[in-house]
Amino acid sequence: MIEDFDQNDDPLSRVSLSFLLDVSTEVPICEKPRILSPEGMGCTAIPVGQPYQLNVVVEAVSDTLPVARIESKKPTGMTQSALRDVDEYPLRKTVQLTWTPKTNQVGRHNVGFNAVDIDGYASGWSFITINVVTGDALYPLPDSSNPSRDQTMTSPKKWTISFNRPIRRPTESAYITLTVQSGHGGSRDVVSPIDSSDARQVKFYDEHIEFDVFFNDIIEDRQSLQLNIAEGVAIGKESGSCALSSEVNAWTVYCNCNEPQYTKEPVTMPNPNLERYKCTGGYTDIALAQDVKAGQECFVRPLVRSFTITSRGDTTSSVNVPYEVCCKTTCTQYW
C-alpha cells in the first residue's frame, strides 16, 4: 500500500500496489546487460553549431537474452538511430546519437543510457555530460607547438604543446603518446605514455603544456613520428568546462636522434612534499650481454640514468648500478 500524508500526518490518499512472483524449478539468469561505451561520468565540450555524434555500445549477458532496446535521456534536438548489430560481437548492440546544439543550448547537458534485454532486465542508467560552449572548442595548435607539424627535432628535451585558449590540468589520467611507423607498415610506441594529470610528467602554463620525451628505443637516422594527444589531456579554464574535444589531435614530427636517449634523471618529488617521503639508495647487479666491453655507455629502461662501464673481467656477467627508492611515510606509494 502506498500512502501520502499532509503536514499534520493525516493521510491524503492510499493506493494499493501489486506485483507478480513467478516461482520456477529452473534457475533463471538474473545478470543484467551492461553498457560498454561511453563510460559513465565522462565530460566532453563541443561548440554551438558543430555536429556531434556519439556511439553507445552495450552487451547482453547471453545469446538467449539479447538486448531489445537502448533507452536514452537526451537534450532537445538530439536524435537516436535504430538499434544495430556490432560486427564480430554477436552479444553487442549499438545506437548512434546525433546532435547539433543551438545557441540557446549553451551549458552543460546530461545524457543518459539504459540497455534493456528481452526479459526486461536493465543495465541501469549511465550518464555523461556534454558542455556546449560558444566559440571554438578547445584544441591543440600543431603549427605553434614545439615540435610543430613536420618539424625535425634533434633533442628530446622540452616538448611544448600550445592550445587555442587557457587550459588547466585534468583530474583523470589522459595520455600523450609518440608512435613511429615501421618499415613493414606497422607502428609501435617509442615512449612510455605521458600522463598529463601527473604534475611530475607535464607542466601546465596558461595556454600550453611542457614535458620531456625519453625514448624506449635507440632512434636511428631520421624517423617519422606521430604525436598523439588524447581527449582529456587538457581542460578549459572557464567555469563549467570539461575535457579537450579536438579535431586536430595528432600530427607528424621527425627526429634526428641516433644515440640512446635514456639520460633521464631519477624522479624528483615536488619540494612541498619532500618531507612526506623517506628515501634509501644503494647498488644492484644487472645482467649484461656477453659482448659488452669496458668503456661502453649503457642504459637501463625505462628510468635509470646512463652510466659508463669502467671495468669488466673475462667472467663478469653483471655490473653494479646505483638506485634510489622513495616511499611515502605511510608506505602506500613508491616512486
Protein backbone atom coordinates (compact mmCIF):
# COMPACT_ATOMS: atom_id res chain seq x y z
CA MET A 1 0.00 0.00 0.00
CA ILE A 2 1.32 3.46 -0.96
CA GLU A 3 0.14 6.36 1.20
CA ASP A 4 0.88 10.06 1.38
CA PHE A 5 0.26 12.44 4.31
CA ASP A 6 -0.15 16.14 4.91
CA GLN A 7 1.97 18.23 7.29
CA ASN A 8 -0.18 17.07 10.22
CA ASP A 9 0.46 13.41 9.35
CA ASP A 10 -3.13 12.94 8.27
CA PRO A 11 -3.47 10.51 5.30
CA LEU A 12 -4.33 12.11 1.98
CA SER A 13 -4.54 9.10 -0.27
CA ARG A 14 -3.96 5.36 -0.33
CA VAL A 15 -3.19 3.28 -3.43
CA SER A 16 -2.67 -0.47 -3.48
CA LEU A 17 0.42 -1.87 -5.20
CA SER A 18 0.52 -5.39 -6.65
CA PHE A 19 3.25 -7.42 -8.31
CA LEU A 20 3.63 -10.98 -9.55
CA LEU A 21 6.23 -13.54 -8.49
CA ASP A 22 6.96 -16.36 -10.92
CA VAL A 23 8.17 -19.41 -8.97
CA SER A 24 10.01 -21.97 -11.11
CA THR A 25 12.11 -25.07 -10.60
CA GLU A 26 14.65 -23.68 -13.09
CA VAL A 27 17.30 -21.21 -12.00
CA PRO A 28 16.90 -18.13 -14.23
CA ILE A 29 19.70 -15.89 -15.43
CA CYS A 30 19.42 -12.69 -13.43
CA GLU A 31 22.50 -10.90 -14.67
CA LYS A 32 21.77 -7.66 -16.44
CA PRO A 33 23.18 -6.28 -19.71
CA ARG A 34 25.97 -3.72 -19.43
CA ILE A 35 26.99 -0.51 -21.15
CA LEU A 36 30.46 -0.74 -22.70
CA SER A 37 30.74 2.81 -24.02
CA PRO A 38 30.69 5.64 -23.40
CA GLU A 39 31.98 5.30 -19.84
CA GLY A 40 29.77 6.96 -17.29
CA MET A 41 30.56 10.37 -15.78
CA GLY A 42 32.63 11.46 -18.78
CA CYS A 43 32.52 15.07 -19.98
CA THR A 44 33.02 16.48 -23.48
CA ALA A 45 32.91 20.09 -24.68
CA ILE A 46 31.51 20.95 -28.11
CA PRO A 47 30.87 24.37 -29.71
CA VAL A 48 27.49 25.74 -30.74
CA GLY A 49 26.54 24.70 -34.27
CA GLN A 50 29.06 21.85 -34.55
CA PRO A 51 27.56 18.43 -35.43
CA TYR A 52 28.24 15.89 -32.70
CA GLN A 53 27.95 12.11 -32.87
CA LEU A 54 28.09 9.62 -30.02
CA ASN A 55 28.07 5.83 -30.33
CA VAL A 56 26.53 3.85 -27.48
CA VAL A 57 27.62 0.19 -27.29
CA VAL A 58 26.00 -2.34 -24.94
CA GLU A 59 26.45 -6.07 -24.35
CA ALA A 60 23.96 -8.78 -23.42
CA VAL A 61 24.51 -11.50 -20.83
CA SER A 62 23.93 -14.34 -23.30
CA ASP A 63 22.56 -15.03 -26.77
CA THR A 64 19.30 -16.21 -25.18
CA LEU A 65 18.76 -12.78 -23.60
CA PRO A 66 19.69 -10.29 -26.33
CA VAL A 67 19.38 -6.55 -25.83
CA ALA A 68 15.95 -5.47 -27.04
CA ARG A 69 16.43 -1.70 -26.85
CA ILE A 70 18.67 1.12 -25.66
CA GLU A 71 16.77 3.85 -23.87
CA SER A 72 18.20 7.37 -23.68
CA LYS A 73 17.62 10.65 -21.90
CA LYS A 74 18.87 13.43 -24.11
CA PRO A 75 18.59 17.17 -24.82
CA THR A 76 16.10 18.64 -27.27
CA GLY A 77 17.13 18.08 -30.88
CA MET A 78 19.36 15.04 -30.25
CA THR A 79 18.27 12.11 -32.42
CA GLN A 80 18.87 8.39 -31.95
CA SER A 81 19.39 5.79 -34.69
CA ALA A 82 17.80 2.36 -34.83
CA LEU A 83 19.34 -0.49 -32.82
CA ARG A 84 22.14 -2.17 -34.83
CA ASP A 85 24.39 -5.22 -34.51
CA VAL A 86 28.12 -4.85 -33.86
CA ASP A 87 30.25 -6.79 -36.34
CA GLU A 88 32.07 -9.83 -34.89
CA TYR A 89 30.41 -9.34 -31.48
CA PRO A 90 27.04 -11.17 -31.53
CA LEU A 91 26.12 -10.15 -27.97
CA ARG A 92 26.63 -6.43 -28.61
CA LYS A 93 24.25 -3.78 -29.91
CA THR A 94 24.78 -0.12 -30.72
CA VAL A 95 22.91 3.09 -31.44
CA GLN A 96 24.24 6.44 -32.63
CA LEU A 97 23.15 9.75 -31.14
CA THR A 98 23.45 12.85 -33.33
CA TRP A 99 23.09 16.46 -32.24
CA THR A 100 23.88 19.96 -33.45
CA PRO A 101 23.40 22.23 -30.41
CA LYS A 102 21.84 25.67 -30.82
CA THR A 103 22.80 29.00 -29.24
CA ASN A 104 20.07 28.71 -26.62
CA GLN A 105 21.53 25.34 -25.51
CA VAL A 106 24.88 26.69 -24.25
CA GLY A 107 25.78 25.00 -20.97
CA ARG A 108 26.02 21.50 -19.54
CA HIS A 109 23.64 18.70 -20.56
CA ASN A 110 23.41 15.23 -19.01
CA VAL A 111 22.87 12.40 -21.49
CA GLY A 112 21.80 9.01 -20.11
CA PHE A 113 21.67 5.45 -21.45
CA ASN A 114 19.92 2.29 -20.30
CA ALA A 115 20.13 -1.12 -22.01
CA VAL A 116 17.13 -3.45 -21.66
CA ASP A 117 17.07 -7.13 -22.69
CA ILE A 118 14.08 -9.11 -23.99
CA ASP A 119 13.08 -10.18 -20.45
CA GLY A 120 13.06 -6.59 -19.20
CA TYR A 121 16.32 -6.74 -17.24
CA ALA A 122 18.02 -3.35 -17.45
CA SER A 123 21.63 -2.24 -17.12
CA GLY A 124 20.67 0.82 -15.08
CA TRP A 125 21.18 4.38 -16.20
CA SER A 126 24.66 5.65 -17.00
CA PHE A 127 25.26 9.37 -17.67
CA ILE A 128 27.82 11.55 -19.41
CA THR A 129 27.99 15.35 -19.59
CA ILE A 130 28.12 17.40 -22.78
CA ASN A 131 29.17 21.01 -22.29
CA VAL A 132 28.03 23.29 -25.13
CA VAL A 133 30.34 26.30 -25.43
CA THR A 134 30.43 29.42 -27.57
CA GLY A 135 33.29 29.96 -29.99
CA ASP A 136 35.81 27.26 -30.86
CA ALA A 137 36.21 24.03 -28.95
CA LEU A 138 39.46 23.56 -27.05
CA TYR A 139 42.13 22.08 -29.33
CA PRO A 140 45.95 21.96 -29.71
CA LEU A 141 47.78 24.14 -32.24
CA PRO A 142 50.17 21.93 -34.25
CA ASP A 143 51.86 24.86 -36.00
CA SER A 144 52.52 26.78 -32.76
CA SER A 145 53.80 23.80 -30.77
CA ASN A 146 57.37 22.51 -30.43
CA PRO A 147 57.94 20.33 -32.30
CA SER A 148 55.44 21.79 -34.72
CA ARG A 149 53.86 19.92 -37.59
CA ASP A 150 56.57 18.32 -39.82
CA GLN A 151 59.38 19.85 -37.72
CA THR A 152 62.62 17.87 -37.21
CA MET A 153 63.83 17.51 -33.61
CA THR A 154 67.46 16.86 -32.67
CA SER A 155 66.89 16.76 -28.91
CA PRO A 156 64.03 15.18 -26.95
CA LYS A 157 64.05 17.86 -24.24
CA LYS A 158 61.25 20.32 -23.54
CA TRP A 159 58.43 19.44 -25.93
CA THR A 160 55.64 22.02 -25.91
CA ILE A 161 52.00 21.77 -27.00
CA SER A 162 50.10 25.03 -27.41
CA PHE A 163 46.31 25.38 -27.24
CA ASN A 164 43.84 27.87 -28.65
CA ARG A 165 42.74 29.15 -25.24
CA PRO A 166 43.62 28.97 -21.50
CA ILE A 167 43.81 25.48 -20.00
CA ARG A 168 44.09 23.65 -16.70
CA ARG A 169 45.22 20.17 -15.65
CA PRO A 170 42.71 17.28 -15.80
CA THR A 171 41.94 15.28 -12.67
CA GLU A 172 41.72 11.97 -14.57
CA SER A 173 44.59 10.30 -16.46
CA ALA A 174 44.91 11.31 -20.12
CA TYR A 175 47.89 10.43 -22.28
CA ILE A 176 50.25 11.86 -24.86
CA THR A 177 51.90 9.15 -26.97
CA LEU A 178 54.55 9.07 -29.68
CA THR A 179 54.43 6.38 -32.34
CA VAL A 180 56.93 5.51 -35.08
CA GLN A 181 55.88 3.81 -38.30
CA SER A 182 57.85 0.66 -39.03
CA GLY A 183 59.10 -0.36 -42.46
CA HIS A 184 56.56 -3.19 -42.61
CA GLY A 185 53.51 -0.96 -42.37
CA GLY A 186 53.05 -1.41 -38.61
CA SER A 187 53.67 1.03 -35.79
CA ARG A 188 54.98 0.98 -32.24
CA ASP A 189 55.09 3.35 -29.29
CA VAL A 190 58.60 4.73 -28.77
CA VAL A 191 57.93 6.49 -25.45
CA SER A 192 56.04 5.48 -22.35
CA PRO A 193 52.61 7.16 -22.34
CA ILE A 194 52.87 10.63 -20.80
CA ASP A 195 50.06 11.33 -18.33
CA SER A 196 49.04 15.00 -18.31
CA SER A 197 47.27 14.62 -14.95
CA ASP A 198 50.66 13.88 -13.31
CA ALA A 199 52.44 17.11 -12.29
CA ARG A 200 55.79 15.30 -12.34
CA GLN A 201 55.43 14.43 -16.03
CA VAL A 202 53.73 17.50 -17.52
CA LYS A 203 53.94 21.19 -16.58
CA PHE A 204 50.87 23.36 -17.22
CA TYR A 205 51.01 27.01 -18.20
CA ASP A 206 48.28 29.44 -19.27
CA GLU A 207 47.87 28.22 -22.86
CA HIS A 208 50.50 25.47 -23.26
CA ILE A 209 51.94 22.37 -21.60
CA GLU A 210 55.57 21.27 -21.41
CA PHE A 211 57.14 17.82 -20.98
CA ASP A 212 60.29 15.81 -21.74
CA VAL A 213 60.38 12.78 -24.04
CA PHE A 214 62.50 9.72 -23.23
CA PHE A 215 62.61 7.10 -25.96
CA ASN A 216 62.22 3.38 -25.28
CA ASP A 217 64.34 2.63 -28.36
CA ILE A 218 67.50 3.91 -29.98
CA ILE A 219 66.24 6.19 -32.77
CA GLU A 220 68.38 5.60 -35.84
CA ASP A 221 68.66 8.18 -38.62
CA ARG A 222 65.67 10.41 -39.34
CA GLN A 223 62.42 8.86 -38.13
CA SER A 224 58.85 9.92 -38.85
CA LEU A 225 56.90 10.04 -35.58
CA GLN A 226 53.19 10.50 -34.87
CA LEU A 227 52.42 12.75 -31.90
CA ASN A 228 49.02 11.76 -30.47
CA ILE A 229 47.09 13.87 -27.95
CA ALA A 230 44.18 12.04 -26.34
CA GLU A 231 40.87 13.65 -25.50
CA GLY A 232 41.07 15.00 -21.96
CA VAL A 233 44.80 15.90 -21.98
CA ALA A 234 43.75 19.48 -21.12
CA ILE A 235 40.63 21.16 -19.76
CA GLY A 236 39.45 24.69 -20.47
CA LYS A 237 39.87 27.19 -17.63
CA GLU A 238 36.43 28.74 -17.96
CA SER A 239 33.76 27.77 -15.46
CA GLY A 240 31.89 24.59 -16.35
CA SER A 241 34.40 23.49 -18.98
CA CYS A 242 35.33 19.86 -19.46
CA ALA A 243 37.68 17.68 -21.46
CA LEU A 244 39.58 18.56 -24.63
CA SER A 245 37.46 17.91 -27.71
CA SER A 246 39.68 18.26 -30.73
CA GLU A 247 39.58 17.79 -34.46
CA VAL A 248 43.40 18.20 -34.58
CA ASN A 249 44.73 15.72 -32.03
CA ALA A 250 47.68 14.23 -33.94
CA TRP A 251 50.43 15.38 -36.27
CA THR A 252 53.72 14.17 -37.73
CA VAL A 253 57.14 15.24 -36.42
CA TYR A 254 60.62 13.97 -37.23
CA CYS A 255 63.56 13.07 -35.02
CA ASN A 256 67.28 13.02 -35.91
CA CYS A 257 68.32 11.13 -32.76
CA ASN A 258 70.89 8.34 -33.25
CA GLU A 259 72.05 7.91 -29.65
CA PRO A 260 70.43 6.24 -26.64
CA GLN A 261 68.00 8.68 -25.08
CA TYR A 262 67.94 7.32 -21.54
CA THR A 263 69.57 10.22 -19.77
CA LYS A 264 66.50 10.84 -17.63
CA GLU A 265 67.19 11.97 -14.07
CA PRO A 266 65.57 9.95 -11.28
CA VAL A 267 62.07 11.18 -10.47
CA THR A 268 62.21 14.09 -8.02
CA MET A 269 59.23 14.80 -5.83
CA PRO A 270 57.86 18.38 -5.68
CA ASN A 271 59.55 20.36 -2.92
CA PRO A 272 56.38 20.90 -0.83
CA ASN A 273 56.00 17.13 -0.49
CA LEU A 274 59.59 16.08 0.21
CA GLU A 275 59.02 15.81 3.96
CA ARG A 276 56.37 13.18 3.26
CA TYR A 277 58.94 10.78 1.77
CA LYS A 278 61.85 8.75 3.05
CA CYS A 279 64.49 7.66 0.55
CA THR A 280 67.08 4.94 0.57
CA GLY A 281 69.68 4.10 -2.04
CA GLY A 282 72.32 1.55 -2.89
CA TYR A 283 73.65 -0.56 -5.73
CA THR A 284 72.19 -3.54 -7.52
CA ASP A 285 73.55 -6.06 -10.03
CA ILE A 286 72.12 -6.14 -13.53
CA ALA A 287 72.85 -8.65 -16.29
CA LEU A 288 74.98 -7.64 -19.28
CA ALA A 289 75.21 -9.04 -22.78
CA GLN A 290 78.30 -11.22 -23.25
CA ASP A 291 79.83 -8.92 -25.88
CA VAL A 292 79.72 -5.73 -23.73
CA LYS A 293 83.19 -4.23 -23.23
CA ALA A 294 84.68 -1.79 -20.73
CA GLY A 295 84.21 1.81 -21.83
CA GLN A 296 80.84 1.28 -23.46
CA GLU A 297 77.93 3.52 -22.38
CA CYS A 298 74.81 1.61 -21.40
CA PHE A 299 71.32 2.49 -20.27
CA VAL A 300 68.53 0.66 -18.44
CA ARG A 301 64.91 1.08 -19.46
CA PRO A 302 62.90 2.98 -18.51
CA LEU A 303 64.08 5.32 -15.71
CA VAL A 304 67.75 4.67 -14.87
CA ARG A 305 70.22 7.34 -15.97
CA SER A 306 73.03 6.32 -18.33
CA PHE A 307 76.35 5.06 -16.93
CA THR A 308 79.78 4.06 -18.25
CA ILE A 309 81.38 0.69 -17.59
CA THR A 310 84.82 1.27 -16.01
CA SER A 311 85.98 -2.34 -15.81
CA ARG A 312 84.92 -5.79 -16.83
CA GLY A 313 86.56 -9.13 -16.15
CA ASP A 314 86.57 -12.06 -18.53
CA THR A 315 83.97 -13.89 -16.44
CA THR A 316 81.90 -10.87 -15.37
CA SER A 317 78.24 -11.05 -16.44
CA SER A 318 76.82 -8.16 -14.42
CA VAL A 319 77.63 -4.64 -13.28
CA ASN A 320 76.60 -2.56 -10.23
CA VAL A 321 74.40 0.46 -10.91
CA PRO A 322 73.05 2.96 -8.34
CA TYR A 323 69.39 3.20 -7.48
CA GLU A 324 67.14 5.16 -5.13
CA VAL A 325 63.66 4.33 -3.85
CA CYS A 326 61.49 6.96 -2.16
CA CYS A 327 58.45 5.98 -0.14
CA LYS A 328 55.68 7.96 1.46
CA THR A 329 55.91 7.93 5.21
CA THR A 330 52.73 5.85 5.16
CA CYS A 331 54.47 3.46 2.76
CA THR A 332 51.47 3.25 0.46
CA GLN A 333 53.14 4.51 -2.71
CA TYR A 334 56.61 4.20 -4.24
CA TRP A 335 58.36 6.45 -6.74
